[in-house]
Amino acid sequence: MRIFSWYMVQRFVKPFLFGLGLFAVLIFLGDLFDKMHQLMTSKAPLWIVLQYLCFDMPYWGVRTIPMATLLGTLVAITGLIQSGEWLAGQACGFESRTFWQPLVG
């Protein structure tokens, strides 16, 4: 991998992980409050309810990956454009697809 690819991955990973965590927590809490009445009125012990909630987390994590990917890509590309690195890279001979390859991969 080239140095530029590593640089792009670094610019992408931080917003991606932040978005993944934030969206997963928000959606998980929204789903939890939707099911709160059913969980409180059920005769299930607390341990079973906690297991149900833990087993439900990966589903919501997978559902939030596309949103987090979009957030990470937008933040990485916007940062390049705002700082002038996009224009400087094109002036040096980088093609536009060179900027997108690490993010698409």
N, C-alpha and C. Protein backbone atom coordinates (compact mmCIF):
# COMPACT_ATOMS: atom_id res chain seq x y z
N MET A 1 0.84 -1.16 0.00
CA MET A 1 0.00 0.00 0.00
C MET A 1 0.90 1.24 0.00
N ARG A 2 0.48 2.23 -0.72
CA ARG A 2 1.26 3.45 -0.81
C ARG A 2 1.04 4.34 0.41
N ILE A 3 1.92 5.30 0.58
CA ILE A 3 1.81 6.23 1.71
C ILE A 3 0.50 7.00 1.63
N PHE A 4 0.13 7.39 0.44
CA PHE A 4 -1.11 8.15 0.27
C PHE A 4 -2.32 7.32 0.70
N SER A 5 -2.31 6.04 0.39
CA SER A 5 -3.43 5.17 0.79
C SER A 5 -3.54 5.10 2.31
N TRP A 6 -2.42 4.97 3.00
CA TRP A 6 -2.44 4.94 4.45
C TRP A 6 -2.97 6.26 5.02
N TYR A 7 -2.58 7.35 4.39
CA TYR A 7 -3.04 8.67 4.82
C TYR A 7 -4.56 8.77 4.67
N MET A 8 -5.08 8.31 3.56
CA MET A 8 -6.53 8.35 3.34
C MET A 8 -7.26 7.44 4.32
N VAL A 9 -6.69 6.28 4.60
CA VAL A 9 -7.33 5.36 5.55
C VAL A 9 -7.37 6.00 6.94
N GLN A 10 -6.30 6.70 7.33
CA GLN A 10 -6.30 7.38 8.63
C GLN A 10 -7.37 8.46 8.69
N ARG A 11 -7.54 9.19 7.61
CA ARG A 11 -8.57 10.25 7.59
C ARG A 11 -9.97 9.66 7.63
N PHE A 12 -10.13 8.42 7.17
CA PHE A 12 -11.43 7.77 7.09
C PHE A 12 -11.81 7.05 8.38
N VAL A 13 -10.85 6.42 9.03
CA VAL A 13 -11.15 5.50 10.13
C VAL A 13 -11.74 6.21 11.34
N LYS A 14 -11.19 7.35 11.73
CA LYS A 14 -11.69 8.03 12.94
C LYS A 14 -13.15 8.43 12.82
N PRO A 15 -13.57 9.14 11.75
CA PRO A 15 -15.00 9.46 11.65
C PRO A 15 -15.87 8.23 11.47
N PHE A 16 -15.34 7.19 10.81
CA PHE A 16 -16.10 5.96 10.62
C PHE A 16 -16.41 5.31 11.97
N LEU A 17 -15.40 5.17 12.80
CA LEU A 17 -15.62 4.54 14.11
C LEU A 17 -16.51 5.40 15.01
N PHE A 18 -16.33 6.72 14.95
CA PHE A 18 -17.19 7.61 15.72
C PHE A 18 -18.65 7.46 15.27
N GLY A 19 -18.87 7.50 13.96
CA GLY A 19 -20.22 7.36 13.43
C GLY A 19 -20.82 6.00 13.74
N LEU A 20 -20.01 4.95 13.64
CA LEU A 20 -20.50 3.60 13.94
C LEU A 20 -20.95 3.51 15.40
N GLY A 21 -20.15 4.02 16.30
CA GLY A 21 -20.53 3.99 17.71
C GLY A 21 -21.74 4.84 18.01
N LEU A 22 -21.75 6.04 17.48
CA LEU A 22 -22.86 6.97 17.74
C LEU A 22 -24.18 6.45 17.17
N PHE A 23 -24.18 6.04 15.92
CA PHE A 23 -25.41 5.55 15.30
C PHE A 23 -25.88 4.26 15.95
N ALA A 24 -24.95 3.39 16.31
CA ALA A 24 -25.34 2.13 16.96
C ALA A 24 -25.99 2.39 18.31
N VAL A 25 -25.41 3.29 19.08
CA VAL A 25 -25.98 3.60 20.40
C VAL A 25 -27.36 4.25 20.25
N LEU A 26 -27.48 5.21 19.33
CA LEU A 26 -28.76 5.88 19.15
C LEU A 26 -29.86 4.93 18.70
N ILE A 27 -29.56 4.08 17.75
CA ILE A 27 -30.57 3.14 17.24
C ILE A 27 -30.88 2.08 18.29
N PHE A 28 -29.85 1.62 19.00
CA PHE A 28 -30.07 0.62 20.05
C PHE A 28 -30.96 1.19 21.15
N LEU A 29 -30.69 2.42 21.57
CA LEU A 29 -31.52 3.03 22.62
C LEU A 29 -32.94 3.29 22.14
N GLY A 30 -33.09 3.71 20.89
CA GLY A 30 -34.43 3.89 20.34
C GLY A 30 -35.21 2.60 20.32
N ASP A 31 -34.55 1.52 19.92
CA ASP A 31 -35.20 0.21 19.89
C ASP A 31 -35.51 -0.26 21.31
N LEU A 32 -34.60 0.02 22.24
CA LEU A 32 -34.83 -0.37 23.63
C LEU A 32 -36.05 0.33 24.20
N PHE A 33 -36.19 1.63 23.95
CA PHE A 33 -37.34 2.35 24.47
C PHE A 33 -38.63 1.93 23.78
N ASP A 34 -38.55 1.51 22.52
CA ASP A 34 -39.74 0.98 21.85
C ASP A 34 -40.23 -0.31 22.50
N LYS A 35 -39.29 -1.15 22.94
CA LYS A 35 -39.63 -2.44 23.52
C LYS A 35 -39.72 -2.40 25.04
N MET A 36 -39.57 -1.23 25.63
CA MET A 36 -39.52 -1.11 27.08
C MET A 36 -40.78 -1.67 27.74
N HIS A 37 -41.94 -1.38 27.20
CA HIS A 37 -43.19 -1.86 27.82
C HIS A 37 -43.23 -3.39 27.82
N GLN A 38 -42.86 -4.00 26.70
CA GLN A 38 -42.88 -5.47 26.63
C GLN A 38 -41.86 -6.07 27.59
N LEU A 39 -40.70 -5.45 27.70
CA LEU A 39 -39.67 -5.99 28.59
C LEU A 39 -40.06 -5.84 30.06
N MET A 40 -40.71 -4.75 30.40
CA MET A 40 -41.08 -4.51 31.80
C MET A 40 -42.27 -5.37 32.23
N THR A 41 -43.19 -5.67 31.31
CA THR A 41 -44.36 -6.46 31.67
C THR A 41 -44.14 -7.96 31.54
N SER A 42 -43.02 -8.38 30.98
CA SER A 42 -42.77 -9.81 30.82
C SER A 42 -42.34 -10.42 32.15
N LYS A 43 -42.50 -11.70 32.26
CA LYS A 43 -42.13 -12.42 33.48
C LYS A 43 -40.69 -12.91 33.41
N ALA A 44 -39.97 -12.53 32.39
CA ALA A 44 -38.60 -13.00 32.21
C ALA A 44 -37.68 -12.38 33.27
N PRO A 45 -36.72 -13.17 33.77
CA PRO A 45 -35.77 -12.60 34.74
C PRO A 45 -34.85 -11.57 34.06
N LEU A 46 -34.21 -10.76 34.88
CA LEU A 46 -33.35 -9.69 34.38
C LEU A 46 -32.23 -10.24 33.52
N TRP A 47 -31.69 -11.39 33.88
CA TRP A 47 -30.59 -11.98 33.12
C TRP A 47 -31.01 -12.29 31.68
N ILE A 48 -32.19 -12.79 31.50
CA ILE A 48 -32.69 -13.12 30.16
C ILE A 48 -32.90 -11.84 29.35
N VAL A 49 -33.42 -10.81 29.98
CA VAL A 49 -33.63 -9.53 29.29
C VAL A 49 -32.30 -8.94 28.86
N LEU A 50 -31.29 -8.99 29.73
CA LEU A 50 -29.95 -8.49 29.38
C LEU A 50 -29.33 -9.30 28.24
N GLN A 51 -29.52 -10.62 28.26
CA GLN A 51 -29.03 -11.45 27.16
C GLN A 51 -29.71 -11.07 25.85
N TYR A 52 -31.00 -10.86 25.90
CA TYR A 52 -31.73 -10.46 24.70
C TYR A 52 -31.18 -9.16 24.14
N LEU A 53 -30.95 -8.19 25.02
CA LEU A 53 -30.43 -6.90 24.57
C LEU A 53 -29.00 -7.03 24.02
N CYS A 54 -28.17 -7.87 24.62
CA CYS A 54 -26.80 -8.07 24.13
C CYS A 54 -26.80 -8.78 22.78
N PHE A 55 -27.68 -9.74 22.60
CA PHE A 55 -27.74 -10.46 21.33
C PHE A 55 -28.35 -9.60 20.22
N ASP A 56 -29.05 -8.56 20.59
CA ASP A 56 -29.65 -7.64 19.62
C ASP A 56 -28.64 -6.60 19.12
N MET A 57 -27.56 -6.38 19.87
CA MET A 57 -26.57 -5.35 19.50
C MET A 57 -25.90 -5.58 18.14
N PRO A 58 -25.43 -6.78 17.81
CA PRO A 58 -24.78 -6.95 16.51
C PRO A 58 -25.69 -6.63 15.33
N TYR A 59 -26.96 -6.93 15.46
CA TYR A 59 -27.90 -6.61 14.39
C TYR A 59 -27.92 -5.11 14.12
N TRP A 60 -27.98 -4.32 15.18
CA TRP A 60 -28.00 -2.87 14.99
C TRP A 60 -26.64 -2.35 14.58
N GLY A 61 -25.58 -3.01 14.99
CA GLY A 61 -24.25 -2.62 14.54
C GLY A 61 -24.10 -2.79 13.03
N VAL A 62 -24.60 -3.90 12.52
CA VAL A 62 -24.53 -4.14 11.07
C VAL A 62 -25.42 -3.17 10.31
N ARG A 63 -26.53 -2.81 10.88
CA ARG A 63 -27.44 -1.87 10.21
C ARG A 63 -26.85 -0.47 10.12
N THR A 64 -25.92 -0.12 11.02
CA THR A 64 -25.36 1.23 11.03
C THR A 64 -24.09 1.36 10.21
N ILE A 65 -23.51 0.28 9.73
CA ILE A 65 -22.25 0.36 8.97
C ILE A 65 -22.39 1.23 7.72
N PRO A 66 -23.46 1.12 6.91
CA PRO A 66 -23.55 2.01 5.75
C PRO A 66 -23.59 3.49 6.11
N MET A 67 -24.28 3.85 7.19
CA MET A 67 -24.33 5.26 7.60
C MET A 67 -22.96 5.73 8.08
N ALA A 68 -22.25 4.89 8.81
CA ALA A 68 -20.93 5.26 9.30
C ALA A 68 -19.94 5.37 8.14
N THR A 69 -20.08 4.51 7.14
CA THR A 69 -19.20 4.58 5.96
C THR A 69 -19.42 5.88 5.21
N LEU A 70 -20.67 6.26 5.05
CA LEU A 70 -20.96 7.53 4.38
C LEU A 70 -20.39 8.70 5.16
N LEU A 71 -20.55 8.69 6.47
CA LEU A 71 -20.01 9.77 7.30
C LEU A 71 -18.49 9.84 7.19
N GLY A 72 -17.81 8.69 7.28
CA GLY A 72 -16.35 8.68 7.18
C GLY A 72 -15.85 9.16 5.84
N THR A 73 -16.52 8.76 4.76
CA THR A 73 -16.13 9.18 3.43
C THR A 73 -16.34 10.67 3.24
N LEU A 74 -17.47 11.17 3.66
CA LEU A 74 -17.74 12.60 3.52
C LEU A 74 -16.76 13.45 4.32
N VAL A 75 -16.46 13.04 5.54
CA VAL A 75 -15.52 13.81 6.36
C VAL A 75 -14.12 13.76 5.77
N ALA A 76 -13.68 12.61 5.27
CA ALA A 76 -12.34 12.49 4.69
C ALA A 76 -12.21 13.34 3.43
N ILE A 77 -13.15 13.24 2.53
CA ILE A 77 -13.08 14.00 1.28
C ILE A 77 -13.27 15.49 1.53
N THR A 78 -14.19 15.85 2.41
CA THR A 78 -14.40 17.27 2.72
C THR A 78 -13.16 17.89 3.34
N GLY A 79 -12.50 17.14 4.22
CA GLY A 79 -11.26 17.64 4.81
C GLY A 79 -10.17 17.88 3.78
N LEU A 80 -10.09 16.98 2.80
CA LEU A 80 -9.10 17.16 1.73
C LEU A 80 -9.42 18.39 0.89
N ILE A 81 -10.67 18.59 0.59
CA ILE A 81 -11.06 19.72 -0.24
C ILE A 81 -10.86 21.04 0.51
N GLN A 82 -11.25 21.07 1.79
CA GLN A 82 -11.12 22.31 2.57
C GLN A 82 -9.67 22.72 2.78
N SER A 83 -8.79 21.75 2.99
CA SER A 83 -7.39 22.09 3.24
C SER A 83 -6.60 22.32 1.95
N GLY A 84 -7.21 22.07 0.82
CA GLY A 84 -6.53 22.29 -0.47
C GLY A 84 -5.69 21.12 -0.92
N GLU A 85 -5.71 20.02 -0.18
CA GLU A 85 -4.92 18.85 -0.55
C GLU A 85 -5.45 18.20 -1.83
N TRP A 86 -6.74 18.26 -2.04
CA TRP A 86 -7.33 17.70 -3.25
C TRP A 86 -6.77 18.41 -4.48
N LEU A 87 -6.78 19.72 -4.45
CA LEU A 87 -6.28 20.53 -5.56
C LEU A 87 -4.77 20.35 -5.73
N ALA A 88 -4.05 20.30 -4.61
CA ALA A 88 -2.60 20.10 -4.69
C ALA A 88 -2.27 18.73 -5.26
N GLY A 89 -3.03 17.74 -4.87
CA GLY A 89 -2.80 16.39 -5.42
C GLY A 89 -3.06 16.33 -6.91
N GLN A 90 -4.11 17.00 -7.36
CA GLN A 90 -4.39 17.02 -8.80
C GLN A 90 -3.32 17.80 -9.55
N ALA A 91 -2.79 18.86 -8.95
CA ALA A 91 -1.73 19.63 -9.58
C ALA A 91 -0.43 18.82 -9.69
N CYS A 92 -0.23 17.88 -8.76
CA CYS A 92 0.96 17.03 -8.79
C CYS A 92 0.81 15.85 -9.74
N GLY A 93 -0.37 15.65 -10.26
CA GLY A 93 -0.56 14.56 -11.22
C GLY A 93 -1.36 13.39 -10.70
N PHE A 94 -1.85 13.45 -9.46
CA PHE A 94 -2.71 12.39 -8.97
C PHE A 94 -4.03 12.42 -9.74
N GLU A 95 -4.52 11.24 -10.08
CA GLU A 95 -5.83 11.16 -10.71
C GLU A 95 -6.91 11.12 -9.63
N SER A 96 -8.11 11.46 -10.00
CA SER A 96 -9.22 11.47 -9.01
C SER A 96 -9.48 10.09 -8.46
N ARG A 97 -9.30 9.06 -9.25
CA ARG A 97 -9.57 7.71 -8.75
C ARG A 97 -8.55 7.29 -7.70
N THR A 98 -7.37 7.92 -7.69
CA THR A 98 -6.37 7.63 -6.67
C THR A 98 -6.87 8.06 -5.29
N PHE A 99 -7.65 9.13 -5.24
CA PHE A 99 -8.21 9.58 -3.98
C PHE A 99 -9.29 8.62 -3.49
N TRP A 100 -10.04 8.04 -4.40
CA TRP A 100 -11.19 7.22 -4.03
C TRP A 100 -10.83 5.77 -3.74
N GLN A 101 -9.72 5.28 -4.30
CA GLN A 101 -9.38 3.85 -4.16
C GLN A 101 -9.28 3.37 -2.71
N PRO A 102 -8.58 4.08 -1.81
CA PRO A 102 -8.52 3.58 -0.43
C PRO A 102 -9.89 3.60 0.26
N LEU A 103 -10.73 4.57 -0.09
CA LEU A 103 -12.04 4.65 0.56
C LEU A 103 -13.00 3.59 0.04
N VAL A 104 -12.93 3.32 -1.24
CA VAL A 104 -13.81 2.31 -1.83
C VAL A 104 -13.38 0.92 -1.39
N GLY A 105 -12.07 0.72 -1.30
CA GLY A 105 -11.54 -0.59 -0.89
C GLY A 105 -11.88 -0.89 0.53
